[in-house]
Amino acid sequence: MKKIVILIVIVTGVQLLFAQNKRAAKSTIFKTWAATPPMGWNSWDCYGPTVEEHEVKANADYMATHLKKFGWEYIIVDIRWFVRNDKAGGYNETDPIYEIDKYGRYQPAVNRFPSAKDGQGFKKLAEYIHQKGLKFGIHIMRGVPKEAVEKRLPILDGNGITADQIYSTEAQCEWLKDNYTIVADKPGAQEYYNSIINLYADWGVDFIKVDDLSFPYHKAEIEMIRKAIDQSGRPIVFSTSPGETPISEGPHISQHANMWRLVGDVWDTWKDIVHLFKVTEKWYSYILPGTWPDCDMIPLGRLAIRGERGIDRMTNLSKDEQYTLMTLFTIFKSPLMFGGDLPSNDDFTLSLLTNRDVLKMHKESSGVKQLFNKDGKVAITSKNEKTGDTYLAIFNLNDKPSSVSVDLSDIGINGTAKATDLWNIKNNFNLNRKIVKELRPHSSLLLKLHR
């Protein structure tokens, strides 16, 4: 009898250990889905909440032809794809007409996305994008639709529970009132999130950007979304928005999301770029494979065709400021989500997105750290362990020319080094013990250093 008890204890212990290991593996496998920072296009900056299927396809066509070979792969349909009568320059909150199914799940507005007819959802559009070797993503708001609550729509696989039984008006999004908060401990809450993520998985979605999640920080809904993605069986990259994500939640968000916003929306104004330098200072230790602090979309190229901010224009940032933005995003290893209309790119904009040396740094570097940020002068460094190269970015954020200097010993180089300007690889020079450069206002220099 004693031997039987001992055997039962051993077997039970092994089963518990196996279950724990299985849970641990499941909780971290999502990090392999974005082993390097995601790179793609998002419709928000140029089309706001009004993007249409033909415009999404045009941007996918451009990416497949011009950018795919450089590592760009995601096509993201941003906010309110389920509203038939939204408007440019804001949101229609007066009389929005929603597309929603019998289980309280938003569907693409057929007048904007014709391939969604007959209940196809985004399946046909995702297939179009996948056939080009690209990946497809969508934006959603956290929570359950108000319309689903008001109509008491049933939750799929919810054992008779309806949407009005899982919601709360507390912590409702302050700037868009489409949804209510989902209360995590309510029966049917997890089942609702499972139902929408399973729908997206069936459509072929590869990326989901969930809004009104990072600030204020909605821990319970973040955990429900993580569980829903894991149970769906499809690798769906999970991005939270908008910032500023609290640094105190760094350990939590890095165990649940692939990328998380550090700031509110970044537009083509210099003050937004300067603010990024301040916010990123706290997040360097979280730059790790599969989990990426996110500097927001890249507001370059042609913006606001029907956007939320300003009139149809090419970016207001100067060329020096555009280089500075791209240098920060790439050395910081932020996800790169281009916000402009890709088919409208000029040669200069395209050159910013197709610099192989800069993108190699963005993909392969590690050990990213800030050396200093003082008096409007910033230096950031990283290392390529594969090649042994060291990267150094220096910035002048001031409104007047400034001299920026870095001792090579501070980046692990003693003596001399050869330097290559990554934005102008014909510019090569030698350094002895330090670099001192006079930089124009709002400008930067990105170097690859080697012995």
Protein backbone atom coordinates (compact mmCIF):
# COMPACT_ATOMS: atom_id res chain seq x y z
CA MET A 1 0.00 0.00 0.00
CA LYS A 2 2.86 2.36 0.89
CA LYS A 3 4.49 1.77 -2.51
CA ILE A 4 1.21 2.56 -4.25
CA VAL A 5 0.89 5.85 -2.38
CA ILE A 6 4.50 6.76 -3.22
CA LEU A 7 3.87 5.91 -6.89
CA ILE A 8 0.72 8.05 -6.94
CA VAL A 9 2.63 10.98 -5.42
CA ILE A 10 5.42 10.61 -8.00
CA VAL A 11 3.00 10.39 -10.93
CA THR A 12 1.01 13.36 -9.65
CA GLY A 13 4.21 15.37 -9.23
CA VAL A 14 5.34 14.55 -12.77
CA GLN A 15 1.92 15.54 -14.13
CA LEU A 16 2.01 18.85 -12.25
CA LEU A 17 5.55 19.55 -13.46
CA PHE A 18 4.56 18.73 -17.04
CA ALA A 19 1.53 21.03 -16.78
CA GLN A 20 3.66 23.85 -15.35
CA ASN A 21 6.27 23.46 -18.10
CA LYS A 22 3.55 23.37 -20.73
CA ARG A 23 2.02 26.58 -19.37
CA ALA A 24 5.44 28.22 -19.21
CA ALA A 25 6.22 27.24 -22.79
CA LYS A 26 2.83 28.50 -23.97
CA SER A 27 3.33 31.79 -22.16
CA THR A 28 6.60 32.53 -23.92
CA ILE A 29 6.19 30.97 -27.38
CA PHE A 30 4.45 34.15 -28.60
CA LYS A 31 7.80 35.93 -28.37
CA THR A 32 9.04 33.87 -31.32
CA TRP A 33 6.35 35.40 -33.55
CA ALA A 34 8.15 38.74 -33.59
CA ALA A 35 11.76 37.74 -33.00
CA THR A 36 12.82 40.97 -34.70
CA PRO A 37 10.89 44.26 -34.58
CA PRO A 38 7.81 44.10 -36.86
CA MET A 39 7.93 46.26 -40.00
CA GLY A 40 4.89 47.29 -41.97
CA TRP A 41 2.32 49.86 -43.07
CA ASN A 42 -0.64 51.20 -41.08
CA SER A 43 -3.56 53.09 -42.61
CA TRP A 44 -4.14 55.57 -39.75
CA ASP A 45 -1.84 58.49 -40.64
CA CYS A 46 -3.11 58.82 -44.19
CA TYR A 47 -6.71 57.53 -44.05
CA GLY A 48 -7.83 57.86 -40.42
CA PRO A 49 -10.99 55.77 -39.82
CA THR A 50 -12.06 55.82 -43.49
CA VAL A 51 -9.66 53.52 -45.37
CA GLU A 52 -11.18 51.42 -48.13
CA GLU A 53 -10.25 48.04 -49.56
CA HIS A 54 -8.80 49.35 -52.83
CA GLU A 55 -6.46 51.65 -50.85
CA VAL A 56 -5.29 48.81 -48.62
CA LYS A 57 -4.58 46.70 -51.72
CA ALA A 58 -2.67 49.56 -53.38
CA ASN A 59 -0.39 49.85 -50.36
CA ALA A 60 0.06 46.07 -50.27
CA ASP A 61 0.95 46.07 -53.96
CA TYR A 62 3.57 48.77 -53.38
CA MET A 63 5.05 46.96 -50.39
CA ALA A 64 5.28 43.67 -52.29
CA THR A 65 7.06 45.38 -55.19
CA HIS A 66 9.35 47.85 -53.43
CA LEU A 67 9.73 46.95 -49.73
CA LYS A 68 9.20 43.24 -49.12
CA LYS A 69 12.79 42.35 -50.05
CA PHE A 70 13.97 44.75 -47.34
CA GLY A 71 11.96 43.01 -44.60
CA TRP A 72 8.73 45.02 -44.65
CA GLU A 73 5.77 42.63 -44.38
CA TYR A 74 2.71 43.82 -42.40
CA ILE A 75 -0.33 45.58 -43.86
CA ILE A 76 -2.51 46.94 -41.03
CA VAL A 77 -6.09 48.21 -41.37
CA ASP A 78 -6.51 50.70 -38.56
CA ILE A 79 -9.48 51.96 -36.59
CA ARG A 80 -13.23 51.57 -37.21
CA TRP A 81 -13.21 49.35 -40.27
CA PHE A 82 -16.67 48.24 -39.06
CA VAL A 83 -18.37 51.66 -39.41
CA ARG A 84 -20.16 52.29 -42.69
CA ASN A 85 -20.37 56.08 -42.40
CA ASP A 86 -17.25 57.30 -40.61
CA LYS A 87 -15.60 60.57 -41.58
CA ALA A 88 -12.18 62.11 -42.08
CA GLY A 89 -10.75 64.52 -39.53
CA GLY A 90 -12.15 62.73 -36.50
CA TYR A 91 -14.88 60.17 -35.84
CA ASN A 92 -18.58 60.02 -36.55
CA GLU A 93 -20.00 59.61 -33.06
CA THR A 94 -23.33 61.22 -33.91
CA ASP A 95 -24.95 58.41 -35.92
CA PRO A 96 -22.40 55.66 -36.64
CA ILE A 97 -23.75 52.64 -38.49
CA TYR A 98 -21.98 49.52 -37.28
CA GLU A 99 -21.55 46.17 -39.00
CA ILE A 100 -21.94 43.55 -36.28
CA ASP A 101 -22.85 39.86 -36.28
CA LYS A 102 -25.34 37.94 -34.15
CA TYR A 103 -22.63 37.20 -31.56
CA GLY A 104 -21.76 40.85 -31.00
CA ARG A 105 -18.59 40.81 -33.12
CA TYR A 106 -17.75 43.65 -35.48
CA GLN A 107 -17.59 42.87 -39.20
CA PRO A 108 -15.96 44.90 -42.00
CA ALA A 109 -18.27 47.53 -43.51
CA VAL A 110 -19.17 46.04 -46.88
CA ASN A 111 -19.53 49.44 -48.56
CA ARG A 112 -15.83 50.03 -47.80
CA PHE A 113 -14.62 46.42 -48.07
CA PRO A 114 -16.65 44.75 -50.85
CA SER A 115 -14.91 41.39 -50.46
CA ALA A 116 -16.48 41.10 -46.98
CA LYS A 117 -19.92 40.41 -48.48
CA ASP A 118 -21.80 37.21 -47.60
CA GLY A 119 -20.16 37.02 -44.19
CA GLN A 120 -16.61 36.66 -45.55
CA GLY A 121 -15.19 39.23 -43.15
CA PHE A 122 -11.57 40.03 -43.94
CA LYS A 123 -10.85 36.54 -45.26
CA LYS A 124 -10.61 37.54 -48.93
CA LEU A 125 -8.50 40.63 -48.23
CA ALA A 126 -6.16 38.60 -46.03
CA GLU A 127 -5.81 36.03 -48.82
CA TYR A 128 -4.93 38.80 -51.29
CA ILE A 129 -2.20 40.07 -48.96
CA HIS A 130 -0.90 36.59 -48.11
CA GLN A 131 -0.61 35.73 -51.80
CA LYS A 132 1.90 38.55 -52.08
CA GLY A 133 4.02 37.03 -49.31
CA LEU A 134 2.88 39.67 -46.81
CA LYS A 135 1.01 39.55 -43.50
CA PHE A 136 -2.33 41.09 -42.57
CA GLY A 137 -3.32 42.95 -39.43
CA ILE A 138 -6.23 44.89 -37.97
CA HIS A 139 -6.93 47.45 -35.25
CA ILE A 140 -9.61 46.95 -32.61
CA MET A 141 -10.77 48.77 -29.50
CA ARG A 142 -10.67 46.84 -26.22
CA GLY A 143 -14.00 45.80 -24.77
CA VAL A 144 -17.45 44.75 -25.96
CA PRO A 145 -19.55 46.81 -28.42
CA LYS A 146 -22.23 49.00 -26.85
CA GLU A 147 -24.60 47.78 -29.53
CA ALA A 148 -24.03 44.17 -28.48
CA VAL A 149 -24.81 45.13 -24.89
CA GLU A 150 -27.92 47.10 -25.79
CA LYS A 151 -29.26 44.25 -27.95
CA ARG A 152 -28.22 41.61 -25.39
CA LEU A 153 -26.54 39.57 -28.08
CA PRO A 154 -25.39 36.07 -27.09
CA ILE A 155 -21.70 35.25 -26.65
CA LEU A 156 -20.48 32.41 -28.83
CA ASP A 157 -19.81 29.32 -26.66
CA GLY A 158 -20.87 31.39 -23.65
CA ASN A 159 -23.49 28.90 -22.38
CA GLY A 160 -26.33 31.33 -22.83
CA ILE A 161 -24.53 34.37 -21.42
CA THR A 162 -25.25 37.61 -23.25
CA ALA A 163 -23.12 40.71 -23.79
CA ASP A 164 -25.02 42.75 -21.20
CA GLN A 165 -23.77 40.35 -18.51
CA ILE A 166 -20.02 40.95 -19.02
CA TYR A 167 -19.67 44.72 -19.28
CA SER A 168 -19.07 47.78 -17.12
CA THR A 169 -19.34 51.47 -17.92
CA GLU A 170 -16.36 52.12 -15.63
CA ALA A 171 -13.07 52.95 -17.36
CA GLN A 172 -14.81 53.35 -20.71
CA CYS A 173 -12.55 54.86 -23.36
CA GLU A 174 -12.65 58.63 -22.99
CA TRP A 175 -12.14 59.53 -26.64
CA LEU A 176 -14.26 56.93 -28.48
CA LYS A 177 -17.46 55.46 -27.06
CA ASP A 178 -18.05 52.44 -29.31
CA ASN A 179 -17.33 49.86 -26.58
CA TYR A 180 -17.70 49.17 -22.88
CA THR A 181 -15.09 47.64 -20.57
CA ILE A 182 -15.19 43.84 -20.22
CA VAL A 183 -15.08 42.72 -16.57
CA ALA A 184 -12.56 39.89 -16.36
CA ASP A 185 -14.16 37.88 -13.57
CA LYS A 186 -17.61 37.83 -15.17
CA PRO A 187 -18.70 34.48 -16.64
CA GLY A 188 -18.51 34.82 -20.42
CA ALA A 189 -15.85 37.56 -20.41
CA GLN A 190 -12.99 35.35 -21.54
CA GLU A 191 -15.34 33.55 -23.92
CA TYR A 192 -16.15 36.84 -25.63
CA TYR A 193 -12.50 37.65 -26.22
CA ASN A 194 -11.97 34.06 -27.40
CA SER A 195 -14.83 34.47 -29.85
CA ILE A 196 -13.45 37.59 -31.52
CA ILE A 197 -9.86 36.34 -31.68
CA ASN A 198 -11.02 33.01 -33.11
CA LEU A 199 -12.94 34.94 -35.75
CA TYR A 200 -9.83 36.93 -36.66
CA ALA A 201 -7.78 33.73 -36.78
CA ASP A 202 -10.33 32.27 -39.20
CA TRP A 203 -10.01 35.39 -41.36
CA GLY A 204 -6.23 34.91 -41.49
CA VAL A 205 -5.21 37.85 -39.28
CA ASP A 206 -1.49 37.87 -38.36
CA PHE A 207 -1.34 41.05 -36.26
CA ILE A 208 -3.74 42.77 -33.90
CA LYS A 209 -3.37 46.30 -32.56
CA VAL A 210 -5.60 46.78 -29.52
CA ASP A 211 -6.39 50.38 -28.64
CA ASP A 212 -7.19 52.11 -25.34
CA LEU A 213 -5.16 49.46 -23.56
CA SER A 214 -1.78 50.94 -22.61
CA PHE A 215 -2.77 54.17 -20.85
CA PRO A 216 -4.66 53.87 -18.65
CA TYR A 217 -3.20 50.40 -18.26
CA HIS A 218 -5.89 47.69 -18.44
CA LYS A 219 -4.10 44.69 -16.99
CA ALA A 220 -7.09 42.35 -16.83
CA GLU A 221 -8.08 42.87 -20.47
CA ILE A 222 -4.46 42.52 -21.60
CA GLU A 223 -4.34 39.12 -19.90
CA MET A 224 -7.65 38.05 -21.46
CA ILE A 225 -6.42 39.00 -24.93
CA ARG A 226 -3.18 37.09 -24.39
CA LYS A 227 -5.16 33.99 -23.36
CA ALA A 228 -7.51 34.38 -26.30
CA ILE A 229 -4.66 34.56 -28.80
CA ASP A 230 -2.93 31.56 -27.25
CA GLN A 231 -6.07 29.42 -27.36
CA SER A 232 -6.82 30.38 -30.98
CA GLY A 233 -3.94 28.29 -32.29
CA ARG A 234 -2.81 31.02 -34.71
CA PRO A 235 0.37 33.08 -34.23
CA ILE A 236 -1.05 36.60 -33.99
CA VAL A 237 1.35 39.39 -33.02
CA PHE A 238 -0.19 41.44 -30.18
CA SER A 239 0.37 45.22 -30.08
CA THR A 240 -1.03 47.52 -27.38
CA SER A 241 -1.88 51.17 -27.91
CA PRO A 242 -1.69 54.07 -27.18
CA GLY A 243 1.01 55.15 -24.69
CA GLU A 244 2.44 56.07 -22.40
CA THR A 245 2.59 52.53 -21.04
CA PRO A 246 3.60 52.90 -17.35
CA ILE A 247 7.21 51.80 -16.82
CA SER A 248 6.03 50.11 -13.62
CA GLU A 249 4.12 47.66 -15.85
CA GLY A 250 7.20 46.78 -17.90
CA PRO A 251 7.55 43.28 -16.39
CA HIS A 252 3.86 42.58 -17.02
CA ILE A 253 3.48 43.93 -20.54
CA SER A 254 6.68 42.24 -21.74
CA GLN A 255 5.18 38.89 -20.69
CA HIS A 256 1.90 39.45 -22.52
CA ALA A 257 2.42 41.60 -25.64
CA ASN A 258 4.87 41.66 -28.54
CA MET A 259 4.96 45.45 -28.68
CA TRP A 260 3.55 48.28 -26.59
CA ARG A 261 3.25 52.00 -27.14
CA LEU A 262 5.45 54.44 -25.25
CA VAL A 263 3.66 57.63 -26.32
CA GLY A 264 0.41 58.97 -27.73
CA ASP A 265 0.14 59.50 -31.48
CA VAL A 266 3.36 60.76 -33.08
CA TRP A 267 2.78 63.26 -35.87
CA ASP A 268 5.07 65.21 -38.19
CA THR A 269 6.00 67.86 -35.63
CA TRP A 270 9.44 68.31 -34.10
CA LYS A 271 8.09 68.44 -30.54
CA ASP A 272 6.75 64.89 -30.94
CA ILE A 273 10.19 63.65 -31.94
CA VAL A 274 11.91 65.41 -29.03
CA HIS A 275 9.37 63.88 -26.64
CA LEU A 276 10.29 60.40 -27.88
CA PHE A 277 13.88 60.89 -26.74
CA LYS A 278 12.65 61.63 -23.23
CA VAL A 279 10.25 58.70 -23.03
CA THR A 280 12.54 56.05 -24.52
CA GLU A 281 15.15 56.65 -21.80
CA LYS A 282 13.22 54.39 -19.41
CA TRP A 283 12.79 51.42 -21.72
CA TYR A 284 16.20 50.29 -22.96
CA SER A 285 16.33 47.19 -20.74
CA TYR A 286 13.10 45.92 -22.33
CA ILE A 287 14.46 45.82 -25.89
CA LEU A 288 14.54 42.04 -26.25
CA PRO A 289 13.62 39.51 -28.95
CA GLY A 290 9.86 39.14 -29.24
CA THR A 291 8.96 42.10 -27.01
CA TRP A 292 9.47 45.62 -28.33
CA PRO A 293 8.87 49.08 -26.86
CA ASP A 294 7.00 50.92 -29.63
CA CYS A 295 7.67 54.53 -30.66
CA ASP A 296 4.42 54.62 -32.71
CA MET A 297 3.96 54.99 -36.45
CA ILE A 298 6.38 56.74 -38.78
CA PRO A 299 4.72 60.01 -39.95
CA LEU A 300 6.65 60.36 -43.19
CA GLY A 301 5.69 60.51 -46.85
CA ARG A 302 2.19 61.60 -47.84
CA LEU A 303 -0.09 62.04 -44.82
CA ALA A 304 -3.72 62.93 -44.07
CA ILE A 305 -5.29 62.11 -47.42
CA ARG A 306 -8.36 61.62 -45.24
CA GLY A 307 -6.52 61.60 -41.95
CA GLU A 308 -7.31 62.66 -38.42
CA ARG A 309 -4.72 65.44 -38.19
CA GLY A 310 -4.29 68.26 -40.70
CA ILE A 311 -4.72 68.43 -44.47
CA ASP A 312 -3.38 66.26 -47.30
CA ARG A 313 0.37 66.91 -47.33
CA MET A 314 3.85 65.50 -47.54
CA THR A 315 5.37 65.31 -44.06
CA ASN A 316 6.14 68.62 -42.38
CA LEU A 317 9.43 67.27 -41.01
CA SER A 318 12.59 68.55 -42.70
CA LYS A 319 15.02 66.07 -44.23
CA ASP A 320 17.35 66.41 -41.24
CA GLU A 321 14.40 65.73 -38.92
CA GLN A 322 13.34 62.72 -40.98
CA TYR A 323 16.84 61.25 -40.71
CA THR A 324 16.76 61.91 -36.97
CA LEU A 325 13.42 60.13 -36.60
CA MET A 326 14.53 57.10 -38.60
CA THR A 327 17.87 56.96 -36.80
CA LEU A 328 16.16 56.93 -33.40
CA PHE A 329 13.54 54.33 -34.42
CA THR A 330 16.11 51.98 -35.94
CA ILE A 331 18.87 52.11 -33.32
CA PHE A 332 16.24 51.87 -30.55
CA LYS A 333 14.83 48.84 -32.42
CA SER A 334 11.28 50.16 -32.34
CA PRO A 335 8.78 48.40 -34.57
CA LEU A 336 8.62 50.27 -37.89
CA MET A 337 5.05 51.01 -38.97
CA PHE A 338 5.04 53.47 -41.84
CA GLY A 339 2.09 55.87 -41.74
CA GLY A 340 2.22 57.56 -45.13
CA ASP A 341 0.50 56.43 -48.33
CA LEU A 342 3.10 54.14 -49.90
CA PRO A 343 2.14 54.63 -53.58
CA SER A 344 2.67 58.38 -53.06
CA ASN A 345 6.29 57.98 -51.90
CA ASP A 346 8.95 60.17 -53.47
CA ASP A 347 12.50 58.92 -53.95
CA PHE A 348 13.76 60.42 -50.70
CA THR A 349 11.05 58.76 -48.61
CA LEU A 350 11.68 55.44 -50.30
CA SER A 351 15.41 55.77 -49.58
CA LEU A 352 14.65 56.06 -45.85
CA LEU A 353 12.83 52.72 -45.94
CA THR A 354 15.28 50.74 -48.07
CA ASN A 355 18.71 51.41 -46.57
CA ARG A 356 20.05 47.86 -46.14
CA ASP A 357 22.80 48.85 -43.72
CA VAL A 358 20.44 50.72 -41.42
CA LEU A 359 17.87 47.90 -41.54
CA LYS A 360 20.59 45.36 -40.81
CA MET A 361 21.42 47.30 -37.65
CA HIS A 362 17.72 47.47 -36.76
CA LYS A 363 17.31 43.72 -37.18
CA GLU A 364 20.58 42.31 -35.83
CA SER A 365 21.90 44.68 -33.16
CA SER A 366 21.63 44.08 -29.42
CA GLY A 367 22.72 45.71 -26.17
CA VAL A 368 21.09 49.01 -27.06
CA LYS A 369 21.87 51.73 -24.52
CA GLN A 370 21.84 55.48 -24.20
CA LEU A 371 25.19 57.05 -23.36
CA PHE A 372 23.82 60.49 -22.53
CA ASN A 373 20.93 62.89 -23.09
CA LYS A 374 22.00 66.33 -21.90
CA ASP A 375 21.71 69.89 -23.15
CA GLY A 376 19.88 68.75 -26.26
CA LYS A 377 22.67 66.32 -27.21
CA VAL A 378 22.05 62.57 -27.28
CA ALA A 379 24.19 59.51 -27.97
CA ILE A 380 22.90 55.93 -28.33
CA THR A 381 24.93 52.81 -29.07
CA SER A 382 24.46 49.12 -29.82
CA LYS A 383 26.45 46.14 -31.03
CA ASN A 384 26.19 43.56 -33.79
CA GLU A 385 27.43 40.37 -32.18
CA LYS A 386 27.46 38.57 -35.56
CA THR A 387 29.86 40.99 -37.23
CA GLY A 388 31.55 42.63 -34.24
CA ASP A 389 30.50 46.07 -35.48
CA THR A 390 29.55 48.79 -33.03
CA TYR A 391 26.84 51.31 -33.88
CA LEU A 392 26.76 54.86 -32.63
CA ALA A 393 24.03 57.44 -33.18
CA ILE A 394 24.52 61.05 -32.11
CA PHE A 395 21.81 63.71 -32.18
CA ASN A 396 21.52 67.47 -31.90
CA LEU A 397 18.00 68.25 -30.70
CA ASN A 398 18.76 71.94 -30.32
CA ASP A 399 17.50 74.74 -32.53
CA LYS A 400 21.05 75.86 -33.28
CA PRO A 401 24.22 74.04 -34.43
CA SER A 402 25.94 72.09 -31.66
CA SER A 403 29.10 70.03 -31.31
CA VAL A 404 28.55 66.47 -30.03
CA SER A 405 31.47 64.35 -28.81
CA VAL A 406 31.82 60.74 -27.64
CA ASP A 407 34.89 59.00 -26.27
CA LEU A 408 35.37 55.70 -28.09
CA SER A 409 36.34 54.03 -24.82
CA ASP A 410 32.75 54.62 -23.66
CA ILE A 411 31.55 52.23 -26.35
CA GLY A 412 34.24 49.61 -25.82
CA ILE A 413 36.74 50.76 -28.45
CA ASN A 414 40.27 51.59 -27.36
CA GLY A 415 42.47 53.50 -29.77
CA THR A 416 41.44 53.96 -33.40
CA ALA A 417 38.41 52.86 -35.42
CA LYS A 418 37.09 53.08 -38.94
CA ALA A 419 33.72 54.80 -39.28
CA THR A 420 31.03 54.47 -41.95
CA ASP A 421 28.09 56.86 -42.16
CA LEU A 422 25.15 54.47 -42.61
CA TRP A 423 22.97 57.05 -44.34
CA ASN A 424 25.82 57.84 -46.73
CA ILE A 425 28.10 54.81 -46.98
CA LYS A 426 30.50 56.68 -49.26
CA ASN A 427 31.37 58.79 -46.25
CA ASN A 428 34.13 56.82 -44.51
CA PHE A 429 36.71 58.23 -42.09
CA ASN A 430 39.06 57.22 -39.30
CA LEU A 431 38.67 58.06 -35.63
CA ASN A 432 41.29 58.26 -32.92
CA ARG A 433 40.04 57.85 -29.35
CA LYS A 434 36.94 60.01 -29.82
CA ILE A 435 34.48 61.47 -32.25
CA VAL A 436 33.63 65.17 -32.32
CA LYS A 437 31.04 66.36 -34.83
CA GLU A 438 29.34 69.68 -35.43
CA LEU A 439 25.69 68.88 -36.18
CA ARG A 440 23.07 71.11 -37.74
CA PRO A 441 19.90 71.87 -35.74
CA HIS A 442 17.63 68.81 -35.35
CA SER A 443 20.14 66.62 -37.19
CA SER A 444 21.93 63.36 -36.43
CA LEU A 445 24.72 61.03 -37.50
CA LEU A 446 24.52 57.22 -37.57
CA LEU A 447 27.83 55.38 -37.68
CA LYS A 448 29.07 51.83 -37.97
CA LEU A 449 32.45 51.51 -36.22
CA HIS A 450 34.96 48.72 -36.71
CA ARG A 451 38.67 48.15 -36.21
